[in-house]
């Protein structure tokens, strides 16, 4: 069997991976080599054109990005210029001496408020220094450590001091001469 091309012929082989063995006729070998060289030259030319196009694309993208960055920079500079003008307008209305005066006034007022709180917080009849040993002795005398307190029980020192003791059966007797009726003063 002869293939359709005049310079190549084939024959069947017993190799399972190849059905034909190709052998070039001696006169056509030079023509095939010339065609392969032309094809390689054309391939290199296309590769060079592709590299040139890629470089041109890169340069155009870089120029576009630089232009965009310049626009953004100009917008930023304009925004800074406007902010600077606004800040100057705002600072014209601010007097640092007035601010310091207000600050000192606030310090004085806070100091006065602290003095008032100290005055109101003073206790009467309680010594300034309390001896820890005396307090511990008093706590030991109460015997609070000896008796465990149940969950629902209230320690005696936390119970209401104005409440009646449990052993009193009747209400207290009012003093003579006092009545429960409200009295009113007459305006003159």
Protein backbone atom coordinates (compact mmCIF):
# COMPACT_ATOMS: atom_id res chain seq x y z
CA UNK A 1 0.00 0.00 0.00
CA UNK A 2 1.40 3.41 -0.97
CA UNK A 3 0.32 6.63 0.78
CA UNK A 4 -1.11 9.57 -1.16
CA UNK A 5 2.03 11.73 -0.87
CA UNK A 6 4.63 10.95 -3.55
CA UNK A 7 7.77 11.27 -1.42
CA UNK A 8 6.78 9.07 1.55
CA UNK A 9 5.88 5.46 1.49
CA UNK A 10 5.04 3.10 4.30
CA UNK A 11 4.78 -0.53 5.07
CA UNK A 12 3.07 -2.47 7.79
CA UNK A 13 5.21 -3.56 10.74
CA UNK A 14 4.70 -6.00 13.54
CA UNK A 15 5.21 -3.36 16.24
CA UNK A 16 1.96 -2.84 18.21
CA UNK A 17 2.48 0.90 18.80
CA UNK A 18 3.12 1.89 15.19
CA UNK A 19 1.33 0.77 12.04
CA UNK A 20 3.73 2.41 9.57
CA UNK A 21 7.42 2.92 9.20
CA UNK A 22 8.17 6.14 7.33
CA UNK A 23 11.15 6.30 5.08
CA UNK A 24 11.97 9.31 2.92
CA UNK A 25 13.14 8.84 -0.58
CA UNK A 26 16.64 10.29 -1.10
CA UNK A 27 15.54 13.11 -3.46
CA UNK A 28 12.86 14.50 -1.20
CA UNK A 29 14.88 14.64 2.04
CA UNK A 30 16.41 18.05 1.16
CA UNK A 31 12.97 19.55 0.36
CA UNK A 32 11.54 18.42 3.70
CA UNK A 33 14.54 19.85 5.53
CA UNK A 34 14.08 23.24 3.78
CA UNK A 35 10.41 23.27 4.68
CA UNK A 36 11.23 22.46 8.35
CA UNK A 37 13.75 25.35 8.42
CA UNK A 38 11.14 27.76 6.97
CA UNK A 39 8.64 26.59 9.56
CA UNK A 40 11.15 27.13 12.40
CA UNK A 41 11.99 30.63 11.09
CA UNK A 42 8.29 31.44 10.91
CA UNK A 43 7.78 30.12 14.46
CA UNK A 44 10.61 32.32 15.79
CA UNK A 45 9.20 35.32 13.93
CA UNK A 46 5.76 34.73 15.52
CA UNK A 47 7.32 34.30 18.96
CA UNK A 48 9.24 37.59 18.54
CA UNK A 49 6.04 39.35 17.42
CA UNK A 50 4.20 37.90 20.42
CA UNK A 51 6.92 39.16 22.80
CA UNK A 52 6.77 42.61 21.18
CA UNK A 53 2.98 42.72 21.57
CA UNK A 54 3.22 41.61 25.19
CA UNK A 55 5.81 44.32 25.88
CA UNK A 56 3.64 46.94 24.16
CA UNK A 57 0.62 45.82 26.22
CA UNK A 58 2.67 46.00 29.41
CA UNK A 59 3.89 49.50 28.53
CA UNK A 60 0.34 50.67 27.76
CA UNK A 61 -0.99 49.21 31.02
CA UNK A 62 1.84 50.83 32.96
CA UNK A 63 1.13 54.20 31.33
CA UNK A 64 -2.59 53.87 32.15
CA UNK A 65 -1.77 52.95 35.77
CA UNK A 66 0.62 55.90 36.08
CA UNK A 67 -2.05 58.23 34.70
CA UNK A 68 -4.59 56.86 37.19
CA UNK A 69 -2.10 57.30 40.05
CA UNK A 70 -1.50 60.90 39.01
CA UNK A 71 -5.26 61.56 39.00
CA UNK A 72 -5.56 60.05 42.48
CA UNK A 73 -2.62 62.11 43.69
CA UNK A 74 -4.19 65.31 42.36
CA UNK A 75 -7.49 64.44 44.05
CA UNK A 76 -5.65 63.83 47.33
CA UNK A 77 -3.78 67.14 47.04
CA UNK A 78 -7.04 68.99 46.33
CA UNK A 79 -8.69 67.36 49.35
CA UNK A 80 -5.72 68.33 51.54
CA UNK A 81 -5.88 71.90 50.26
CA UNK A 82 -9.61 72.17 51.08
CA UNK A 83 -9.09 70.60 54.51
CA UNK A 84 -6.24 73.01 55.22
CA UNK A 85 -8.45 76.01 54.38
CA UNK A 86 -11.26 74.70 56.58
CA UNK A 87 -8.91 74.03 59.48
CA UNK A 88 -7.52 77.56 59.22
CA UNK A 89 -11.06 78.96 59.32
CA UNK A 90 -11.89 76.85 62.37
CA UNK A 91 -8.70 77.77 64.24
CA UNK A 92 -9.32 81.48 63.69
CA UNK A 93 -12.30 81.18 66.05
CA UNK A 94 -10.31 79.38 68.76
CA UNK A 95 -8.35 81.32 71.36
CA UNK A 96 -5.82 79.17 73.21
CA UNK A 97 -5.81 81.57 76.16
CA UNK A 98 -9.57 81.08 76.58
CA UNK A 99 -9.12 77.32 76.44
CA UNK A 100 -6.42 77.42 79.11
CA UNK A 101 -8.59 79.70 81.24
CA UNK A 102 -11.51 77.29 80.96
CA UNK A 103 -9.16 74.43 81.83
CA UNK A 104 -7.92 76.19 84.96
CA UNK A 105 -11.52 77.06 85.94
CA UNK A 106 -12.46 73.38 85.56
CA UNK A 107 -9.53 72.35 87.76
CA UNK A 108 -10.63 74.84 90.42
CA UNK A 109 -14.24 73.62 90.28
CA UNK A 110 -13.16 69.99 90.56
CA UNK A 111 -10.92 70.85 93.50
CA UNK A 112 -13.84 72.62 95.20
CA UNK A 113 -16.12 69.64 94.55
CA UNK A 114 -13.50 67.32 96.10
CA UNK A 115 -13.25 69.57 99.17
CA UNK A 116 -17.05 69.52 99.53
CA UNK A 117 -17.10 65.72 99.24
CA UNK A 118 -14.35 65.42 101.85
CA UNK A 119 -16.27 67.74 104.17
CA UNK A 120 -19.49 65.78 103.72
CA UNK A 121 -17.68 62.48 104.12
CA UNK A 122 -16.19 63.32 107.55
CA UNK A 123 -17.41 61.15 110.34
CA UNK A 124 -18.26 62.40 113.79
CA UNK A 125 -16.91 60.72 116.87
CA UNK A 126 -14.94 58.07 115.04
CA UNK A 127 -11.20 58.26 115.55
CA UNK A 128 -9.10 58.75 112.45
CA UNK A 129 -6.86 55.83 113.24
CA UNK A 130 -8.38 52.48 114.09
CA UNK A 131 -6.20 49.81 115.60
CA UNK A 132 -6.46 46.52 113.69
CA UNK A 133 -5.72 44.52 116.82
CA UNK A 134 -8.68 46.14 118.61
CA UNK A 135 -10.98 45.34 115.69
CA UNK A 136 -9.81 41.72 115.62
CA UNK A 137 -10.35 41.41 119.37
CA UNK A 138 -13.87 42.80 119.03
CA UNK A 139 -14.60 40.36 116.18
CA UNK A 140 -13.31 37.47 118.27
CA UNK A 141 -15.49 38.63 121.19
CA UNK A 142 -18.55 38.46 118.98
CA UNK A 143 -17.79 34.80 118.41
CA UNK A 144 -18.73 34.86 114.75
CA UNK A 145 -16.04 32.41 113.79
CA UNK A 146 -17.32 29.74 116.19
CA UNK A 147 -20.89 29.45 114.85
CA UNK A 148 -21.45 28.47 111.25
CA UNK A 149 -24.20 30.44 109.53
CA UNK A 150 -26.78 28.59 107.45
CA UNK A 151 -27.79 29.53 103.92
CA UNK A 152 -31.01 31.37 104.80
CA UNK A 153 -29.82 32.82 108.11
CA UNK A 154 -28.70 36.41 108.54
CA UNK A 155 -25.76 37.13 110.88
CA UNK A 156 -26.72 39.11 113.96
CA UNK A 157 -24.53 42.05 113.04
CA UNK A 158 -26.43 42.44 109.74
CA UNK A 159 -29.92 42.25 111.22
CA UNK A 160 -32.04 45.38 111.50
CA UNK A 161 -31.20 47.20 114.73
CA UNK A 162 -34.61 48.92 114.89
CA UNK A 163 -36.55 45.67 114.66
CA UNK A 164 -38.25 44.39 117.79
CA UNK A 165 -36.68 41.48 119.55
CA UNK A 166 -38.40 38.12 119.16
CA UNK A 167 -39.42 37.93 122.85
CA UNK A 168 -41.67 41.04 122.82
CA UNK A 169 -45.35 40.08 122.51
CA UNK A 170 -47.06 43.46 122.43
CA UNK A 171 -46.56 46.76 120.63
CA UNK A 172 -44.69 49.52 122.52
CA UNK A 173 -46.72 51.83 124.74
CA UNK A 174 -46.90 55.41 123.53
CA UNK A 175 -45.94 58.13 125.92
CA UNK A 176 -48.67 60.05 127.62
CA UNK A 177 -49.65 63.33 126.08
CA UNK A 178 -48.74 62.37 122.55
CA UNK A 179 -51.41 61.59 120.02
CA UNK A 180 -51.31 60.08 116.60
CA UNK A 181 -53.34 62.90 115.09
CA UNK A 182 -51.35 65.16 112.82
CA UNK A 183 -51.01 68.77 113.84
CA UNK A 184 -51.03 71.73 111.52
CA UNK A 185 -49.66 75.15 112.03
CA UNK A 186 -51.73 78.12 111.03
CA UNK A 187 -50.09 80.59 108.73
CA UNK A 188 -50.17 84.13 110.08
